[in-house]
Protein backbone atom coordinates (compact mmCIF):
# COMPACT_ATOMS: atom_id res chain seq x y z
CA MET A 1 -27.39 -18.44 -32.38
CA ILE A 2 -27.00 -14.92 -30.89
CA LYS A 3 -29.15 -15.80 -27.76
CA ALA A 4 -27.10 -18.92 -27.14
CA LEU A 5 -23.97 -17.29 -27.50
CA GLY A 6 -25.04 -14.64 -25.18
CA TYR A 7 -26.07 -17.28 -22.60
CA LEU A 8 -22.72 -18.81 -22.79
CA ILE A 9 -21.05 -15.52 -22.18
CA GLU A 10 -23.25 -14.92 -19.21
CA PHE A 11 -22.80 -18.03 -17.77
CA PHE A 12 -18.86 -17.99 -18.47
CA ILE A 13 -18.62 -14.67 -16.23
CA ALA A 14 -21.33 -15.09 -13.63
CA LYS A 15 -20.39 -18.57 -12.75
CA ARG A 16 -16.71 -17.70 -12.45
CA MET A 17 -15.44 -19.81 -15.12
CA HIS A 18 -13.00 -17.15 -16.47
CA ILE A 19 -11.31 -17.15 -13.00
CA GLY A 20 -10.96 -21.00 -13.07
CA ILE A 21 -9.28 -20.64 -16.61
CA LEU A 22 -6.93 -17.94 -15.37
CA ALA A 23 -5.71 -20.68 -12.88
CA TYR A 24 -5.39 -23.05 -15.62
CA VAL A 25 -3.13 -20.63 -17.70
CA THR A 26 -1.26 -19.31 -14.75
CA ALA A 27 -0.26 -22.65 -13.34
CA ILE A 28 1.48 -23.30 -16.75
CA PHE A 29 3.00 -19.89 -16.70
CA HIS A 30 4.35 -19.81 -13.29
CA MET A 31 6.04 -23.11 -13.89
CA ARG A 32 7.52 -21.98 -16.99
CA CYS A 33 8.92 -18.97 -15.10
CA VAL A 34 11.23 -21.33 -13.21
CA GLY A 35 11.98 -23.64 -16.00
CA ILE A 36 9.39 -26.34 -15.38
CA LYS A 37 7.13 -27.65 -18.37
CA LEU A 38 4.07 -29.25 -17.18
CA TYR A 39 3.81 -32.25 -19.70
CA ASN A 40 0.72 -33.79 -17.90
CA ASN A 41 -2.51 -31.54 -19.02
CA LEU A 42 -4.02 -32.95 -15.97
CA VAL A 43 -2.03 -30.75 -13.67
CA PRO A 44 -3.31 -27.29 -14.70
CA PHE A 45 -6.76 -28.70 -15.08
CA ILE A 46 -6.73 -29.91 -11.62
CA SER A 47 -5.79 -26.29 -10.57
CA PHE A 48 -8.60 -25.17 -12.64
CA LEU A 49 -11.12 -27.36 -10.69
CA ILE A 50 -9.91 -26.36 -7.18
CA VAL A 51 -10.00 -22.55 -8.14
CA TRP A 52 -13.24 -22.67 -10.14
CA SER A 53 -15.03 -24.86 -7.26
CA ALA A 54 -13.96 -22.20 -4.60
CA TYR A 55 -15.42 -19.33 -6.40
CA LEU A 56 -18.60 -21.61 -7.04
CA GLU A 57 -18.57 -22.35 -3.41
CA ASN A 58 -18.37 -18.49 -2.85
CA LEU A 59 -21.37 -17.92 -4.68
CA THR A 60 -23.41 -20.28 -2.42
CA THR A 61 -22.13 -18.37 0.97
CA ASP A 62 -22.02 -14.92 0.04
CA THR A 63 -25.76 -14.38 -0.96
CA ARG A 64 -26.31 -11.75 1.79
CA GLU A 65 -23.52 -9.24 0.90
CA ASP A 66 -24.29 -9.81 -2.85
CA SER A 67 -27.72 -8.79 -2.32
CA TYR A 68 -26.72 -5.37 -1.46
CA ASN A 69 -24.68 -4.80 -4.65
CA ILE A 70 -26.30 -3.94 -7.78
CA CYS A 71 -24.49 -6.09 -9.97
CA PRO A 72 -22.42 -8.27 -7.81
CA HIS A 73 -20.86 -10.54 -10.45
CA GLY A 74 -20.77 -8.26 -13.30
CA ILE A 75 -24.14 -9.01 -14.48
CA LEU A 76 -27.75 -8.07 -13.04
CA PRO A 77 -29.04 -10.54 -10.52
CA ASN A 78 -32.49 -11.00 -12.48
CA ILE A 79 -30.19 -12.13 -15.37
CA GLU A 80 -28.09 -14.72 -13.16
CA LYS A 81 -31.28 -16.26 -11.93
CA ARG A 82 -32.08 -17.74 -15.53
CA LEU A 83 -28.51 -19.24 -15.71
CA TYR A 84 -28.25 -22.96 -14.66
CA PRO A 85 -27.22 -23.05 -10.82
CA VAL A 86 -24.06 -24.91 -11.55
CA GLU A 87 -22.53 -23.62 -8.25
CA ARG A 88 -24.65 -26.32 -6.37
CA PHE A 89 -22.28 -28.90 -7.60
CA TYR A 90 -19.05 -27.45 -6.16
CA PRO A 91 -18.53 -30.31 -3.88
CA VAL A 92 -18.74 -32.71 -6.93
CA PHE A 93 -15.95 -30.53 -8.65
CA TYR A 94 -13.77 -30.41 -5.42
CA LEU A 95 -14.01 -34.35 -5.26
CA SER A 96 -13.13 -34.64 -8.98
CA ALA A 97 -9.96 -32.62 -8.32
CA LEU A 98 -9.04 -35.12 -5.38
CA LEU A 99 -9.81 -38.26 -7.28
CA LEU A 100 -7.59 -37.07 -10.29
CA SER A 101 -4.90 -35.94 -7.92
CA LEU A 102 -4.82 -39.43 -6.60
CA THR A 103 -4.10 -40.86 -10.06
CA ILE A 104 -0.88 -38.85 -9.98
CA SER A 105 0.35 -39.41 -6.30
CA PHE A 106 -0.67 -39.62 -2.90
CA ASN A 107 1.71 -36.70 -1.97
CA TYR A 108 0.31 -34.65 -4.95
CA PHE A 109 -3.32 -35.54 -3.36
CA VAL A 110 -2.33 -34.14 0.13
CA TRP A 111 -1.29 -30.64 -1.19
CA VAL A 112 -4.39 -30.40 -3.43
CA LEU A 113 -6.49 -31.21 -0.41
CA ALA A 114 -4.60 -28.45 1.34
CA SER A 115 -5.50 -26.06 -1.35
CA ILE A 116 -9.25 -26.87 -1.03
CA ILE A 117 -9.13 -26.78 2.86
CA ILE A 118 -7.60 -23.11 2.53
CA PHE A 119 -10.34 -22.02 0.15
CA SER A 120 -13.17 -23.58 1.98
CA SER A 121 -11.89 -22.24 5.64
CA TYR A 122 -12.38 -18.72 4.02
CA VAL A 123 -16.26 -19.03 3.54
CA HIS A 124 -17.61 -21.18 6.22
CA ARG A 125 -17.50 -20.89 9.98
CA TRP A 126 -14.86 -23.08 11.84
CA ILE A 127 -17.45 -24.33 14.05
CA PRO A 128 -20.10 -26.03 11.85
CA GLY A 129 -23.60 -24.86 13.07
CA GLY A 130 -21.99 -22.70 15.41
CA HIS A 131 -23.18 -19.46 17.02
CA LYS A 132 -23.43 -16.49 14.48
CA LYS A 133 -20.93 -14.67 16.72
CA VAL A 134 -18.26 -17.04 15.59
CA LYS A 135 -17.26 -15.19 12.31
CA ARG A 136 -16.02 -16.72 9.01
CA LEU A 137 -12.52 -15.86 8.21
CA LYS A 138 -13.82 -13.61 5.31
CA GLU A 139 -15.64 -11.56 7.90
CA ILE A 140 -12.33 -10.72 9.76
CA TYR A 141 -10.63 -7.56 8.65
CA ILE A 142 -7.17 -8.13 6.90
CA ILE A 143 -7.71 -11.95 7.00
CA LYS A 144 -10.29 -11.55 4.37
CA ASN A 145 -7.85 -10.50 1.97
CA ILE A 146 -4.91 -12.99 3.07
CA ILE A 147 -6.94 -16.42 2.64
CA PRO A 148 -7.73 -16.19 -1.04
CA PRO A 149 -4.21 -15.39 -2.19
CA LEU A 150 -2.86 -18.32 -0.02
CA GLY A 151 -5.23 -20.52 -1.84
CA TRP A 152 -4.11 -19.15 -5.24
CA ILE A 153 -0.36 -19.87 -4.15
CA PHE A 154 -1.04 -23.44 -3.33
CA SER A 155 -3.33 -23.97 -6.45
CA VAL A 156 -1.25 -22.59 -9.33
CA TRP A 157 2.15 -22.78 -7.63
CA VAL A 158 2.64 -25.42 -5.01
CA VAL A 159 0.28 -28.00 -6.35
CA PRO A 160 2.10 -28.03 -9.95
CA PHE A 161 5.45 -27.66 -8.56
CA VAL A 162 5.06 -30.71 -6.25
CA TYR A 163 3.91 -32.76 -9.41
CA SER A 164 7.36 -31.71 -11.14
CA GLY A 165 9.37 -33.34 -8.43
CA GLU A 166 11.92 -30.56 -8.69
CA GLN A 167 14.27 -29.46 -5.96
CA PHE A 168 13.08 -26.46 -3.93
CA ILE A 169 15.66 -23.74 -3.94
CA PHE A 170 15.57 -20.62 -1.72
CA GLU A 171 14.96 -18.17 -4.43
CA TYR A 172 11.39 -19.90 -4.82
CA PHE A 173 10.48 -18.25 -1.48
CA ILE A 174 10.67 -15.05 -3.01
CA LEU A 175 8.90 -15.89 -6.03
CA ILE A 176 6.17 -17.40 -3.84
CA PHE A 177 6.11 -14.03 -1.69
CA ILE A 178 5.63 -11.95 -5.15
CA LEU A 179 2.95 -14.06 -6.21
CA PHE A 180 1.29 -13.70 -2.60
CA LEU A 181 1.62 -9.87 -2.58
CA TRP A 182 0.49 -9.75 -6.23
CA SER A 183 -2.64 -11.95 -5.64
CA LEU A 184 -3.11 -9.91 -2.40
CA GLN A 185 -3.20 -6.67 -4.62
CA GLU A 186 -5.73 -8.32 -6.97
CA GLU A 187 -7.90 -9.30 -3.86
CA ILE A 188 -8.11 -5.83 -2.82
CA LYS A 189 -9.01 -4.50 -6.33
CA PHE A 190 -11.77 -6.91 -6.26
CA ASP A 191 -13.18 -5.40 -3.16
CA VAL A 192 -13.58 -1.85 -4.79
CA PRO A 193 -16.82 -2.71 -6.71
CA ASP A 194 -18.17 -4.23 -3.45
CA VAL A 195 -17.55 -1.37 -1.06
CA CYS A 196 -21.36 -0.45 -0.51
CA GLY A 197 -22.31 -4.09 -0.28
CA ASP A 198 -19.58 -5.22 2.22
CA LYS A 199 -20.51 -2.02 4.40
CA LYS A 200 -24.11 -3.00 4.79
CA ALA A 201 -23.03 -6.65 5.45
CA GLY A 202 -20.60 -5.54 8.02
CA ILE A 203 -17.67 -6.70 6.45
CA LYS A 204 -14.58 -4.64 6.77
CA THR A 205 -12.31 -4.38 3.81
CA LEU A 206 -9.39 -2.03 2.88
CA PRO A 207 -11.30 0.30 0.57
CA ASN A 208 -14.32 0.85 3.19
CA VAL A 209 -11.90 1.06 6.23
CA ILE A 210 -8.95 3.55 5.01
CA GLY A 211 -10.92 4.94 2.09
CA GLU A 212 -10.51 4.32 -1.61
CA SER A 213 -7.77 7.02 -2.30
CA ARG A 214 -5.54 5.53 0.30
CA THR A 215 -6.30 1.85 -0.95
CA LYS A 216 -5.20 3.23 -4.50
CA GLY A 217 -1.87 4.27 -3.00
CA VAL A 218 -1.26 1.07 -1.43
CA ILE A 219 -1.77 -0.86 -4.51
CA LYS A 220 0.49 1.45 -6.48
CA VAL A 221 3.20 1.29 -3.96
CA THR A 222 2.80 -2.60 -3.75
CA SER A 223 3.48 -2.54 -7.79
CA TYR A 224 6.66 -0.75 -7.12
CA ILE A 225 7.73 -3.17 -4.28
CA LEU A 226 6.91 -6.13 -6.57
CA SER A 227 8.98 -4.75 -9.35
CA VAL A 228 12.22 -4.41 -6.99
CA MET A 229 11.56 -8.11 -5.76
CA LEU A 230 11.44 -9.48 -9.21
CA PHE A 231 14.81 -8.07 -10.09
CA LEU A 232 16.26 -9.00 -6.71
CA THR A 233 15.18 -12.58 -7.58
CA LEU A 234 17.06 -12.34 -10.88
CA LEU A 235 20.17 -11.03 -9.10
CA MET A 236 20.10 -13.94 -6.52
CA LEU A 237 19.39 -16.66 -9.35
CA TRP A 238 22.54 -15.41 -11.11
CA ASN A 239 24.71 -15.03 -7.86
CA ASN A 240 23.73 -18.45 -6.59
CA ASN A 241 24.67 -20.23 -9.88
CA HIS A 242 21.04 -21.23 -10.82
CA PRO A 243 21.35 -20.70 -14.80
CA ARG A 244 18.38 -22.69 -15.79
CA GLN A 245 15.91 -20.70 -13.43
CA PHE A 246 17.70 -17.53 -14.34
CA ASP A 247 17.14 -18.11 -18.03
CA ALA A 248 13.66 -19.30 -17.57
CA LEU A 249 12.53 -16.29 -15.47
CA ILE A 250 14.45 -13.88 -17.72
CA ARG A 251 12.56 -14.91 -20.69
CA ASN A 252 9.26 -15.00 -18.91
CA MET A 253 9.28 -12.14 -16.67
CA LEU A 254 7.81 -9.56 -19.08
CA PRO A 255 4.12 -10.08 -18.49
CA ILE A 256 4.75 -9.97 -14.67
CA PHE A 257 6.93 -6.75 -14.92
CA MET A 258 4.55 -5.03 -17.46
CA ALA A 259 1.48 -5.99 -15.05
CA PHE A 260 3.35 -4.36 -12.07
CA LEU A 261 4.44 -1.16 -14.19
CA TYR A 262 1.32 -0.38 -16.18
CA ASP A 263 -1.48 -1.71 -14.07
CA HIS A 264 -2.05 1.82 -12.58
CA ASN A 265 -4.14 2.78 -15.62
CA PHE A 266 -6.53 -0.26 -14.94
CA VAL A 267 -6.39 0.55 -11.19
CA ASP A 268 -7.41 4.32 -11.93
CA LEU A 269 -10.35 3.07 -14.26
CA LEU A 270 -11.57 0.72 -11.72
CA PHE A 271 -11.39 3.27 -8.77
CA LYS A 272 -13.53 5.80 -11.00
CA GLU A 273 -16.17 3.38 -12.22
CA GLY A 274 -16.25 1.03 -9.36
CA LYS A 275 -17.99 -1.79 -11.30
CA LYS A 276 -17.33 -5.54 -11.11
CA GLU A 277 -17.46 -5.86 -14.98
CA TYR A 278 -14.00 -4.05 -15.26
CA CYS A 279 -12.70 -6.86 -13.10
CA ASN A 280 -13.98 -9.36 -15.28
CA ILE A 281 -12.94 -7.99 -18.56
CA GLY A 282 -9.53 -7.29 -17.04
CA ILE A 283 -9.38 -11.08 -16.14
CA VAL A 284 -10.25 -12.11 -19.73
CA TRP A 285 -7.96 -9.72 -21.31
CA TRP A 286 -5.09 -10.89 -18.78
CA ILE A 287 -5.86 -14.61 -20.06
CA CYS A 288 -5.74 -13.71 -23.65
CA LEU A 289 -2.51 -11.95 -23.15
CA LEU A 290 -0.81 -14.92 -21.17
CA TRP A 291 -2.16 -17.49 -23.53
CA ILE A 292 -0.59 -15.78 -26.53
CA PHE A 293 2.70 -15.36 -24.71
CA LEU A 294 2.77 -19.00 -23.81
CA VAL A 295 1.93 -20.48 -27.33
CA VAL A 296 3.85 -18.24 -29.37
CA ASP A 297 7.74 -19.07 -29.70
CA TYR A 298 10.40 -17.02 -28.02
CA PRO A 299 11.46 -14.22 -28.89
CA LEU A 300 8.26 -13.54 -31.31
CA ASN A 301 5.98 -13.82 -27.93
CA ILE A 302 7.96 -10.79 -26.35
CA TYR A 303 7.27 -8.43 -29.39
CA GLY A 304 3.69 -9.61 -29.64
CA TYR A 305 3.23 -9.24 -26.01
CA ILE A 306 4.61 -5.90 -25.84
CA VAL A 307 2.48 -4.60 -28.76
CA LEU A 308 -0.85 -6.17 -27.30
CA ARG A 309 -0.09 -4.88 -23.78
CA MET A 310 0.64 -1.47 -24.83
CA ARG A 311 -2.55 -1.31 -26.89
CA GLY A 312 -4.36 -2.97 -24.21
CA ASN A 313 -5.94 0.07 -22.48
CA PHE A 314 -7.31 1.14 -25.89
CA SER A 315 -8.69 -2.23 -26.78
CA THR A 316 -10.36 -2.87 -23.51
CA SER A 317 -11.97 0.73 -23.49
CA ILE A 318 -13.55 -0.24 -26.67
CA MET A 319 -14.69 -3.45 -25.33
CA LEU A 320 -16.08 -1.76 -22.25
CA SER A 321 -17.74 0.97 -24.01
CA LYS A 322 -19.42 -1.22 -26.67
CA TYR A 323 -20.37 -4.20 -24.55
CA ILE A 324 -20.58 -3.28 -20.79
CA GLU A 325 -24.43 -2.52 -20.89
CA ARG A 326 -25.16 -5.83 -22.45
CA PHE A 327 -23.00 -7.57 -19.82
CA ARG A 328 -25.06 -5.82 -17.32
CA ALA A 329 -28.51 -6.28 -18.91
CA GLY A 330 -28.16 -9.68 -20.53
CA PHE A 331 -28.06 -10.71 -24.14
CA ASN A 332 -31.71 -10.65 -25.24
C-alpha cells in the first residue's frame, strides 16, 4: 500500500500533474475574482488539459538540459525511469482539449487552439527539421521567460473568460497584465534550481546572466509593483462604476495580495537551497490554499486563509525537512 502510494506521489510530481491541477484551480479562481462563476466543469478541465499537456511536452523536448541537473523535476532521474512514460501521449491530451472545446463553441475552440500553439511554439523549432542554428524560443534570452506566462494567461484566464460570454472592460487588461507579471515572476523562480543545467546546455536565463542576488531583487521589486497595480485596479473599478467586479475582486483578492506580500520568505528559501523540490511543494501548498479558499463560504474563507497562510512557512518547512529526501530518492 505504501509503495503504491509512493508511486502515485512520484508520478504526480514527476509527470507534472500538480501543475495541471494548479491550472484547473486558478481558472476557477481568476474568474471568481471578476464575478464570473464557471458552471460548466468542462471549462477548468480543458485548462488542466492544455497546461498539463504543455508540461508533458516539455519533458519530451528538454532531455538534454535536464540531463545536466541532478534532480531536474524534484525526483532523481533513476526513480523517474520506473514511472510510466505518460508524456509520450501529450498530443492525445492536446487533441482531447480541442475536441472537448468544440462541444462548447467554435469560438472557444479557436482560443484553446491559440493556447496550445503558444505553448508548443516555446519548445519546438519554428522550422520543422530545420538547422540546429534555428533556435527554439526557449533558447532565446528573455523570450524564454515570456512565452510560458503567455500560455498561462490564455489557458487560465482568456479561455475561461471566452466561455463566459461576458463583456470585456478595460480594467481586465490591467488584471491580465498583473497575471502576466506574476506568471513571469514564477517562471524566473523555476529557473533558479536549473542554473547549472541551463548554463551547460547554453540556455540563458535571468539567474545565470545577471546572477542570483540581482534576480532575487528583481522578484521582490516585482512583488511590490504587483501589489500597487492590484489596488490601482480596485480604484479604477470603483471610479468607473463596475460594482460587481469591484465586489468580486475585494472579496477574492486576499490570496493574490498575500502571495505578493509574503512570497519573499519562499524566495529566500528557494535561492538558498536551489532545489526543484521546493518549487513542487510550493505549488502543492498553493493549490491546497486556493482550493480551501474557493470551497469555504465567505467570510470564513478569509479567516481560514489568513491562518493557513501565516502558518504556511512553518508547515511547509516541516514537510520539506521530513519528506524531501524521500521525494528525491523515491518511496521504497
